[in-house]
Amino acid sequence: MKHRQLIDQLERELKQTLGCEVKRVELFALPMHTMDVTFSPIIKKRMDILMKILLSAAQSGQFQTVQELSDMLHVEELFVSDLLEQMQRSKLVAIIDGYYMLTPTGEKQLAEGVYEEQLEEETASLLYSPVHEDYFLDDVEEMLELEELVDTLIEESELTLREDMICETLQTEKRKVDPAIYVLSMNVAVERQIHDIPYVAFVCYDRKGDRSFIRTHSFLTNGWDDVVDRYLAKEKLQQWKA
């Protein structure tokens, strides 16, 4: 659907749902920073019985070989070896003075009964919006292209890095695939460029309440944007309704 058809559809929607008149339509852009974020997600899951037994055995500090553990558990040595290697990679167990020993991380996870496994490093593209003071997945390539030039509404500003908010954005997307995946930290963030993200604003008039207001639609998220509504109500409403 071309953007003009979409704008017409949105205007009809506003008139039908809010019973308002649309006095003016404005196409504009908000500058957003694009960046590549590298991170290492983890997966959390309940420990199985064998892992708990192996960690408890390592906690005692009495075992030097995989065979000793295998004989104690009456479990195939190869299976025990694979599980021990996995626990060493996850830094739950370490060989100290020739003995398998529980690490502080292993102590914590054993007490909680929850196993955390480090997954492979990934890189994702994000957008940072100064108006929203928030981060979005970079779907610029999937965004509906406008056939006409739109003005940039605000001045470009510096990129703000908030690791907690970045991780929350990444985690939300990852957990859509697997609810057990967490993103607790990022490794590095590199800014690429600034994109002008197109929006359309509808200056509306409610005759019953005798009031004007603005509703904005983002071509990035393909949805209404309350944050930009509030920004425009403060910065542009008086000018646009005149």
Protein backbone atom coordinates (compact mmCIF):
# COMPACT_ATOMS: atom_id res chain seq x y z
CA MET A 1 0.00 0.00 0.00
CA LYS A 2 1.38 3.41 -0.98
CA HIS A 3 1.73 5.91 1.84
CA ARG A 4 -1.05 8.16 0.52
CA GLN A 5 -3.52 5.29 0.67
CA LEU A 6 -2.39 4.54 4.22
CA ILE A 7 -2.80 8.18 5.26
CA ASP A 8 -6.32 8.24 3.82
CA GLN A 9 -7.13 5.03 5.69
CA LEU A 10 -5.79 6.45 8.97
CA GLU A 11 -7.80 9.64 8.51
CA ARG A 12 -11.01 7.65 8.04
CA GLU A 13 -10.16 5.60 11.13
CA LEU A 14 -9.76 8.74 13.26
CA LYS A 15 -13.06 10.20 12.05
CA GLN A 16 -14.92 6.95 12.72
CA THR A 17 -13.42 6.03 16.10
CA LEU A 18 -13.01 9.51 17.65
CA GLY A 19 -15.80 11.36 15.85
CA CYS A 20 -13.45 14.25 15.13
CA GLU A 21 -12.67 16.44 12.14
CA VAL A 22 -9.20 16.25 10.61
CA LYS A 23 -8.16 19.83 9.96
CA ARG A 24 -4.61 19.29 8.76
CA VAL A 25 -2.20 16.51 7.78
CA GLU A 26 1.55 16.95 8.22
CA LEU A 27 4.33 14.68 7.00
CA PHE A 28 7.56 15.06 8.97
CA ALA A 29 10.61 13.11 10.13
CA LEU A 30 12.28 12.47 13.48
CA PRO A 31 16.05 11.88 13.47
CA MET A 32 17.04 8.58 15.08
CA HIS A 33 20.51 7.16 15.66
CA THR A 34 21.23 3.72 14.21
CA MET A 35 23.76 1.50 15.97
CA ASP A 36 25.06 -2.05 16.00
CA VAL A 37 24.97 -3.67 19.43
CA THR A 38 26.96 -6.81 20.19
CA PHE A 39 25.73 -8.92 23.11
CA SER A 40 25.90 -12.43 24.57
CA PRO A 41 22.46 -13.71 25.61
CA ILE A 42 22.01 -16.39 28.25
CA ILE A 43 19.37 -19.05 28.64
CA LYS A 44 17.98 -19.90 32.06
CA LYS A 45 16.37 -23.26 32.79
CA ARG A 46 15.68 -25.51 35.75
CA MET A 47 18.56 -27.82 36.59
CA ASP A 48 18.04 -31.50 35.95
CA ILE A 49 18.81 -34.06 38.66
CA LEU A 50 22.11 -35.23 37.14
CA MET A 51 23.51 -31.71 36.96
CA LYS A 52 22.55 -31.08 40.59
CA ILE A 53 24.28 -34.32 41.63
CA LEU A 54 27.44 -33.45 39.68
CA LEU A 55 27.56 -29.95 41.16
CA SER A 56 27.02 -31.37 44.64
CA ALA A 57 29.85 -33.83 44.04
CA ALA A 58 32.13 -31.00 42.92
CA GLN A 59 31.09 -29.10 46.03
CA SER A 60 32.63 -31.84 48.14
CA GLY A 61 35.96 -31.48 46.31
CA GLN A 62 36.70 -35.24 46.45
CA PHE A 63 36.85 -36.17 42.76
CA GLN A 64 39.83 -35.92 40.41
CA THR A 65 38.67 -37.82 37.33
CA VAL A 66 35.58 -38.23 35.19
CA GLN A 67 35.75 -41.98 35.81
CA GLU A 68 35.41 -41.50 39.57
CA LEU A 69 32.27 -39.44 39.06
CA SER A 70 30.94 -41.88 36.49
CA ASP A 71 31.46 -44.85 38.81
CA MET A 72 29.77 -43.04 41.69
CA LEU A 73 26.71 -42.14 39.61
CA HIS A 74 26.60 -45.38 37.59
CA VAL A 75 26.30 -43.21 34.47
CA GLU A 76 28.13 -43.61 31.14
CA GLU A 77 31.54 -41.90 31.39
CA LEU A 78 31.14 -40.11 28.05
CA PHE A 79 27.87 -38.58 29.19
CA VAL A 80 29.42 -37.35 32.45
CA SER A 81 32.42 -35.97 30.54
CA ASP A 82 30.19 -33.96 28.17
CA LEU A 83 28.18 -32.52 31.06
CA LEU A 84 31.31 -31.59 33.01
CA GLU A 85 32.78 -29.83 29.96
CA GLN A 86 29.54 -27.89 29.58
CA MET A 87 29.65 -26.87 33.25
CA GLN A 88 33.29 -25.81 32.91
CA ARG A 89 32.46 -23.64 29.89
CA SER A 90 29.69 -22.04 31.94
CA LYS A 91 32.18 -21.51 34.78
CA LEU A 92 30.18 -23.57 37.26
CA VAL A 93 33.02 -26.02 37.86
CA ALA A 94 36.81 -25.62 37.72
CA ILE A 95 39.76 -27.96 38.24
CA ILE A 96 41.70 -26.67 41.25
CA ASP A 97 44.76 -28.53 42.56
CA GLY A 98 43.71 -31.51 40.44
CA TYR A 99 40.17 -31.74 41.85
CA TYR A 100 36.81 -30.78 40.35
CA MET A 101 35.63 -27.85 42.48
CA LEU A 102 32.48 -25.74 42.52
CA THR A 103 33.02 -22.06 41.60
CA PRO A 104 31.12 -19.18 43.29
CA THR A 105 28.90 -19.08 40.18
CA GLY A 106 28.27 -22.82 40.56
CA GLU A 107 27.45 -22.36 44.25
CA LYS A 108 24.89 -19.67 43.42
CA GLN A 109 23.20 -21.58 40.62
CA LEU A 110 23.11 -24.82 42.61
CA ALA A 111 21.43 -23.01 45.52
CA GLU A 112 18.86 -21.49 43.14
CA GLY A 113 18.37 -24.68 41.13
CA VAL A 114 18.54 -22.65 37.90
CA TYR A 115 21.16 -23.28 35.21
CA GLU A 116 22.40 -20.35 33.13
CA GLU A 117 24.08 -21.16 29.84
CA GLN A 118 26.00 -18.54 27.83
CA LEU A 119 24.87 -18.51 24.20
CA GLU A 120 26.88 -17.39 21.17
CA GLU A 121 27.58 -13.69 20.71
CA GLU A 122 25.10 -11.85 18.48
CA THR A 123 24.85 -8.44 16.84
CA ALA A 124 21.60 -6.51 16.45
CA SER A 125 20.78 -3.14 14.87
CA LEU A 126 18.90 -0.65 17.05
CA LEU A 127 17.53 2.85 16.69
CA TYR A 128 17.69 5.46 19.44
CA SER A 129 15.04 8.19 19.43
CA PRO A 130 15.83 11.37 21.43
CA VAL A 131 12.12 12.28 21.52
CA HIS A 132 11.15 8.92 23.01
CA GLU A 133 14.40 8.59 25.00
CA ASP A 134 14.07 4.93 24.05
CA TYR A 135 15.37 2.25 21.69
CA PHE A 136 13.70 0.36 18.85
CA LEU A 137 14.71 -2.52 16.60
CA ASP A 138 16.09 -1.13 13.35
CA ASP A 139 13.46 -2.08 10.76
CA VAL A 140 14.27 0.84 8.46
CA GLU A 141 14.65 -1.41 5.41
CA GLU A 142 11.17 -2.82 5.97
CA MET A 143 9.63 0.64 6.44
CA LEU A 144 7.21 2.04 3.93
CA GLU A 145 9.13 4.46 1.72
CA LEU A 146 7.64 7.90 1.20
CA GLU A 147 7.37 9.22 -2.31
CA GLU A 148 7.81 12.84 -1.22
CA LEU A 149 10.38 14.63 0.90
CA VAL A 150 9.42 15.24 4.53
CA ASP A 151 10.91 17.91 6.79
CA THR A 152 12.92 16.97 9.85
CA LEU A 153 11.06 18.21 12.90
CA ILE A 154 13.83 18.47 15.50
CA GLU A 155 17.55 19.12 15.54
CA GLU A 156 19.94 16.18 15.59
CA SER A 157 21.30 15.42 19.04
CA GLU A 158 23.94 13.22 20.63
CA LEU A 159 23.43 9.49 20.96
CA THR A 160 22.56 8.42 24.50
CA LEU A 161 23.61 4.94 25.60
CA ARG A 162 21.54 3.35 28.36
CA GLU A 163 22.69 -0.24 28.75
CA ASP A 164 19.69 -1.27 30.86
CA MET A 165 17.22 0.00 28.25
CA ILE A 166 19.19 -1.46 25.35
CA CYS A 167 19.25 -4.88 27.05
CA GLU A 168 15.52 -4.66 27.77
CA THR A 169 14.79 -3.95 24.09
CA LEU A 170 16.98 -6.85 22.93
CA GLN A 171 15.57 -9.21 25.56
CA THR A 172 11.98 -8.44 24.57
CA GLU A 173 12.73 -9.50 21.00
CA LYS A 174 14.74 -12.60 21.95
CA ARG A 175 12.06 -13.83 24.35
CA LYS A 176 9.48 -13.75 21.58
CA VAL A 177 11.46 -16.72 20.20
CA ASP A 178 12.33 -18.39 23.53
CA PRO A 179 10.93 -17.12 26.88
CA ALA A 180 13.97 -18.60 28.66
CA ILE A 181 16.45 -16.21 26.97
CA TYR A 182 17.79 -13.18 28.85
CA VAL A 183 20.02 -10.29 27.80
CA LEU A 184 21.72 -8.94 30.92
CA SER A 185 24.56 -6.92 29.39
CA MET A 186 25.92 -5.68 26.09
CA ASN A 187 29.49 -6.06 24.88
CA VAL A 188 29.86 -3.07 22.56
CA ALA A 189 27.69 -0.51 20.75
CA VAL A 190 28.85 1.24 17.57
CA GLU A 191 26.92 4.14 16.05
CA ARG A 192 26.49 3.97 12.26
CA GLN A 193 24.50 6.99 11.14
CA ILE A 194 21.34 9.04 11.71
CA HIS A 195 18.14 8.13 9.90
CA ASP A 196 15.19 10.46 9.38
CA ILE A 197 12.19 8.34 10.38
CA PRO A 198 8.95 9.49 8.71
CA TYR A 199 5.75 10.21 10.64
CA VAL A 200 2.36 11.60 9.71
CA ALA A 201 0.47 13.90 12.09
CA PHE A 202 -3.26 14.58 12.00
CA VAL A 203 -4.43 17.85 13.54
CA CYS A 204 -7.89 16.95 14.84
CA TYR A 205 -10.78 19.03 16.15
CA ASP A 206 -13.38 17.70 18.57
CA ARG A 207 -16.44 19.86 18.04
CA LYS A 208 -18.29 18.58 21.13
CA GLY A 209 -15.42 19.33 23.46
CA ASP A 210 -14.27 22.35 21.45
CA ARG A 211 -10.67 21.23 21.55
CA SER A 212 -7.85 20.52 19.10
CA PHE A 213 -5.40 17.65 19.45
CA ILE A 214 -2.82 15.73 17.44
CA ARG A 215 -2.59 12.04 16.61
CA THR A 216 0.62 10.76 15.01
CA HIS A 217 1.38 7.56 13.15
CA SER A 218 4.89 6.08 12.85
CA PHE A 219 5.96 4.54 9.56
CA LEU A 220 8.64 2.64 11.53
CA THR A 221 6.36 0.82 13.97
CA ASN A 222 3.25 1.10 11.77
CA GLY A 223 1.27 2.29 14.78
CA TRP A 224 -0.01 5.33 16.66
CA ASP A 225 2.62 7.05 18.81
CA ASP A 226 1.45 8.63 22.09
CA VAL A 227 4.92 9.94 22.94
CA VAL A 228 5.13 11.99 19.75
CA ASP A 229 1.52 13.11 20.30
CA ARG A 230 2.55 14.72 23.58
CA TYR A 231 5.68 16.25 22.04
CA LEU A 232 3.73 17.81 19.17
CA ALA A 233 0.94 19.03 21.45
CA LYS A 234 3.56 21.09 23.26
CA GLU A 235 5.73 22.16 20.32
CA LYS A 236 3.48 22.38 17.24
CA LEU A 237 -0.25 22.34 18.03
CA GLN A 238 -0.75 26.10 18.29
CA GLN A 239 1.13 26.67 15.01
CA TRP A 240 -0.56 23.87 13.07
CA LYS A 241 -4.13 24.57 14.13
CA ALA A 242 -3.89 28.25 13.20
